[in-house]
Amino acid sequence: MELVVAFTIMLILTTMSVPLARSRVRTMRERELHNDVREMRSAIDKYKDYADLGYLGPQKLGTNNWPETLDILVEGVKLPGPDGKKMRFLRRIPVDPFTGKAEWGMRSDQDDPKSLSWGGQCVFDVYSKTQEKAADGKSYSEW
């Protein structure tokens, strides 16, 4: 009888801990997503600031001094001058914690702010490609 009671208590405790563990994992993923998006947006803004100041040399027409792709932020931009230095804005493109891939949705400055398709002119903003929603019902792609 004691064994049955002990197993029942263990079952109840285990049943209670599974939702808590899932909630904790989701919270950690949300925090990582928020940090990754913030880091990439900061790098995009820094690129724009440097391009506006003319530090990155002549820019491609139609980009409005925004980066053409996320890869440019990682590969770097060759600075004008004889020494041939490169300026990098990101060490790597972060992995989306929800999709598990280093692929992000992008918007150009000419796209609609809620658009989930990229016009291809430049990279003005990034978002997660996951279809999942946060606890408040807001899609992660809207973060």
Protein backbone atom coordinates (compact mmCIF):
# COMPACT_ATOMS: atom_id res chain seq x y z
CA MET A 1 0.00 0.00 0.00
CA GLU A 2 2.82 2.39 0.85
CA LEU A 3 4.38 1.73 -2.52
CA VAL A 4 1.16 2.64 -4.34
CA VAL A 5 0.87 5.88 -2.34
CA ALA A 6 4.50 6.76 -3.03
CA PHE A 7 4.11 6.14 -6.77
CA THR A 8 0.90 8.20 -6.81
CA ILE A 9 2.66 11.12 -5.13
CA MET A 10 5.57 10.81 -7.59
CA LEU A 11 3.12 10.76 -10.51
CA ILE A 12 1.36 13.89 -9.26
CA LEU A 13 4.65 15.73 -8.76
CA THR A 14 5.90 14.70 -12.21
CA THR A 15 2.64 15.78 -13.83
CA MET A 16 2.96 19.20 -12.19
CA SER A 17 6.60 19.67 -13.18
CA VAL A 18 6.21 19.04 -16.95
CA PRO A 19 4.18 22.22 -17.66
CA LEU A 20 6.59 24.23 -15.53
CA ALA A 21 9.56 22.88 -17.48
CA ARG A 22 7.87 23.67 -20.81
CA SER A 23 7.09 27.17 -19.62
CA ARG A 24 10.69 27.69 -18.55
CA VAL A 25 12.02 26.48 -21.92
CA ARG A 26 9.63 28.81 -23.77
CA THR A 27 10.69 31.74 -21.59
CA MET A 28 14.36 31.03 -22.30
CA ARG A 29 13.66 30.85 -26.06
CA GLU A 30 11.71 34.11 -25.93
CA ARG A 31 14.56 35.83 -24.10
CA GLU A 32 17.08 34.52 -26.63
CA LEU A 33 14.88 35.61 -29.55
CA HIS A 34 14.50 39.08 -28.07
CA ASN A 35 18.28 39.41 -27.60
CA ASP A 36 19.06 38.11 -31.11
CA VAL A 37 16.61 40.48 -32.78
CA ARG A 38 17.92 43.40 -30.72
CA GLU A 39 21.53 42.53 -31.64
CA MET A 40 20.76 42.34 -35.37
CA ARG A 41 18.69 45.54 -35.35
CA SER A 42 21.51 47.31 -33.55
CA ALA A 43 24.01 46.11 -36.18
CA ILE A 44 21.68 47.25 -38.99
CA ASP A 45 21.32 50.68 -37.37
CA LYS A 46 25.08 50.98 -36.85
CA TYR A 47 25.66 50.13 -40.52
CA LYS A 48 23.14 52.82 -41.51
CA ASP A 49 24.80 55.41 -39.25
CA TYR A 50 28.26 54.68 -40.66
CA ALA A 51 26.97 54.73 -44.24
CA ASP A 52 25.18 58.05 -43.65
CA LEU A 53 28.43 59.53 -42.35
CA GLY A 54 30.27 58.29 -45.46
CA TYR A 55 32.62 55.91 -43.61
CA LEU A 56 31.64 52.97 -45.81
CA GLY A 57 32.23 54.64 -49.15
CA PRO A 58 29.65 54.98 -51.92
CA GLN A 59 26.51 52.95 -51.39
CA LYS A 60 24.33 51.14 -53.93
CA LEU A 61 21.44 53.21 -55.25
CA GLY A 62 18.03 52.29 -53.88
CA THR A 63 19.32 51.03 -50.52
CA ASN A 64 19.07 54.39 -48.73
CA ASN A 65 22.32 53.43 -46.96
CA TRP A 66 20.79 50.31 -45.36
CA PRO A 67 22.67 46.99 -45.77
CA GLU A 68 21.72 44.97 -48.85
CA THR A 69 21.75 41.64 -46.94
CA LEU A 70 22.44 40.32 -43.45
CA ASP A 71 25.56 38.61 -44.79
CA ILE A 72 27.18 42.01 -45.39
CA LEU A 73 27.00 42.66 -41.65
CA VAL A 74 29.01 39.47 -41.01
CA GLU A 75 31.41 39.58 -43.97
CA GLY A 76 32.13 43.25 -43.44
CA VAL A 77 32.52 46.23 -45.69
CA LYS A 78 35.87 47.25 -47.10
CA LEU A 79 36.61 50.76 -45.93
CA PRO A 80 37.80 53.32 -48.45
CA GLY A 81 41.51 53.96 -48.24
CA PRO A 82 44.81 52.29 -49.05
CA ASP A 83 44.99 49.97 -46.03
CA GLY A 84 41.97 47.84 -47.14
CA LYS A 85 40.50 47.33 -43.66
CA LYS A 86 37.07 45.79 -43.28
CA MET A 87 34.42 46.86 -40.81
CA ARG A 88 32.20 44.07 -39.49
CA PHE A 89 28.98 44.65 -37.61
CA LEU A 90 28.07 41.08 -36.52
CA ARG A 91 30.26 38.08 -35.67
CA ARG A 92 27.65 35.70 -37.01
CA ILE A 93 24.00 35.60 -37.89
CA PRO A 94 22.30 34.21 -34.79
CA VAL A 95 20.22 31.04 -34.88
CA ASP A 96 16.50 31.60 -34.37
CA PRO A 97 15.69 29.73 -31.14
CA PHE A 98 12.26 28.70 -32.43
CA THR A 99 13.16 27.52 -35.95
CA GLY A 100 16.67 26.30 -35.15
CA LYS A 101 18.02 27.96 -38.31
CA ALA A 102 20.08 31.08 -38.96
CA GLU A 103 17.36 32.28 -41.35
CA TRP A 104 15.41 35.40 -40.57
CA GLY A 105 12.60 37.25 -42.24
CA MET A 106 13.63 40.65 -43.54
CA ARG A 107 11.86 43.88 -44.44
CA SER A 108 13.18 46.75 -46.51
CA ASP A 109 12.46 50.38 -45.72
CA GLN A 110 10.01 50.36 -48.64
CA ASP A 111 7.99 47.36 -47.36
CA ASP A 112 4.88 47.57 -45.22
CA PRO A 113 5.86 47.38 -41.50
CA LYS A 114 3.66 44.27 -41.01
CA SER A 115 4.73 42.61 -44.26
CA LEU A 116 6.07 39.06 -44.09
CA SER A 117 7.73 39.29 -47.50
CA TRP A 118 10.91 41.08 -48.40
CA GLY A 119 11.06 43.57 -51.26
CA GLY A 120 14.77 42.87 -51.72
CA GLN A 121 16.01 46.46 -51.88
CA CYS A 122 17.78 46.52 -48.51
CA VAL A 123 17.52 45.20 -44.95
CA PHE A 124 15.69 47.64 -42.71
CA ASP A 125 14.31 45.17 -40.15
CA VAL A 126 14.41 41.48 -39.21
CA TYR A 127 11.86 39.14 -37.65
CA SER A 128 11.51 35.47 -36.72
CA LYS A 129 10.02 33.16 -39.35
CA THR A 130 8.29 30.99 -36.75
CA GLN A 131 4.51 30.69 -36.83
CA GLU A 132 4.32 30.29 -33.06
CA LYS A 133 2.70 32.85 -30.80
CA ALA A 134 3.71 34.24 -27.43
CA ALA A 135 1.58 33.74 -24.32
CA ASP A 136 -0.16 37.07 -24.98
CA GLY A 137 -1.28 35.83 -28.43
CA LYS A 138 1.11 38.07 -30.37
CA SER A 139 3.08 36.36 -33.12
CA TYR A 140 6.85 36.20 -32.61
CA SER A 141 7.26 37.66 -36.10
CA GLU A 142 5.78 40.92 -34.72
CA TRP A 143 8.46 41.33 -32.03
